[in-house]
Amino acid sequence: MRQVILYPGEDGYWIAEVPSLPGCLSQGKTREEALANIREAIQGYVAALKDDGLAVPEERFEAMVVAV
């Protein structure tokens, strides 16, 4: 399981990124599409690490919402 940050991009697309997997990000026209795409990106990222004999980083982020 990975935490995903999801936010609207400047071009109207939704951006999804995984802080615990540097460089692992995707996008979609809708939130749902962005989430489906990031699931696929996570699977590919982890598979590539394993294929290269590299360790898969553990989830290490904790998200919080701060009211200001």
Protein backbone atom coordinates (compact mmCIF):
# COMPACT_ATOMS: atom_id res chain seq x y z
CA MET A 1 0.00 0.00 0.00
CA ARG A 2 1.23 3.47 -0.89
CA GLN A 3 0.07 6.94 -0.04
CA VAL A 4 -0.80 8.97 -3.10
CA ILE A 5 -1.02 12.73 -3.32
CA LEU A 6 -3.71 13.81 -5.75
CA TYR A 7 -4.14 17.41 -6.90
CA PRO A 8 -5.43 19.38 -9.88
CA GLY A 9 -2.78 20.44 -12.38
CA GLU A 10 -2.65 23.75 -14.19
CA ASP A 11 -3.74 22.10 -17.45
CA GLY A 12 -7.01 20.74 -16.01
CA TYR A 13 -5.66 17.22 -15.52
CA TRP A 14 -5.36 15.55 -12.12
CA ILE A 15 -1.84 14.76 -10.95
CA ALA A 16 -1.08 11.73 -8.77
CA GLU A 17 2.29 11.16 -7.17
CA VAL A 18 3.77 8.71 -4.68
CA PRO A 19 6.17 10.43 -2.26
CA SER A 20 7.77 7.17 -1.10
CA LEU A 21 8.68 6.26 -4.70
CA PRO A 22 10.67 9.23 -6.06
CA GLY A 23 9.65 10.13 -9.59
CA CYS A 24 6.58 7.89 -9.55
CA LEU A 25 3.75 10.05 -10.82
CA SER A 26 0.94 9.99 -13.30
CA GLN A 27 -2.07 12.01 -14.39
CA GLY A 28 -5.57 11.68 -15.74
CA LYS A 29 -8.47 13.73 -17.05
CA THR A 30 -10.46 12.80 -13.94
CA ARG A 31 -9.54 11.86 -10.38
CA GLU A 32 -10.58 8.28 -11.09
CA GLU A 33 -8.42 8.07 -14.21
CA ALA A 34 -5.44 9.55 -12.36
CA LEU A 35 -5.85 6.96 -9.58
CA ALA A 36 -6.10 4.09 -12.07
CA ASN A 37 -3.00 5.38 -13.85
CA ILE A 38 -0.97 5.75 -10.64
CA ARG A 39 -1.83 2.18 -9.64
CA GLU A 40 -0.32 1.02 -12.92
CA ALA A 41 2.69 3.32 -12.45
CA ILE A 42 3.32 1.93 -8.95
CA GLN A 43 3.22 -1.64 -10.24
CA GLY A 44 5.66 -0.80 -13.03
CA TYR A 45 7.98 1.12 -10.70
CA VAL A 46 8.16 -1.73 -8.18
CA ALA A 47 8.59 -4.34 -10.93
CA ALA A 48 11.48 -2.36 -12.46
CA LEU A 49 13.24 -2.11 -9.09
CA LYS A 50 12.88 -5.84 -8.52
CA ASP A 51 14.07 -6.64 -12.05
CA ASP A 52 17.19 -4.55 -11.39
CA GLY A 53 17.78 -6.27 -8.04
CA LEU A 54 17.14 -3.05 -6.12
CA ALA A 55 15.32 -2.70 -2.82
CA VAL A 56 11.77 -1.38 -2.90
CA PRO A 57 11.50 1.65 -0.59
CA GLU A 58 9.13 1.23 2.30
CA GLU A 59 6.20 3.55 2.78
CA ARG A 60 7.48 6.26 5.09
CA PHE A 61 5.17 9.22 4.69
CA GLU A 62 2.29 10.25 6.85
CA ALA A 63 -0.16 12.74 5.41
CA MET A 64 -1.95 15.32 7.48
CA VAL A 65 -4.33 18.13 6.66
CA VAL A 66 -3.59 21.41 8.43
CA ALA A 67 -6.24 24.09 8.70
CA VAL A 68 -4.92 27.64 8.42
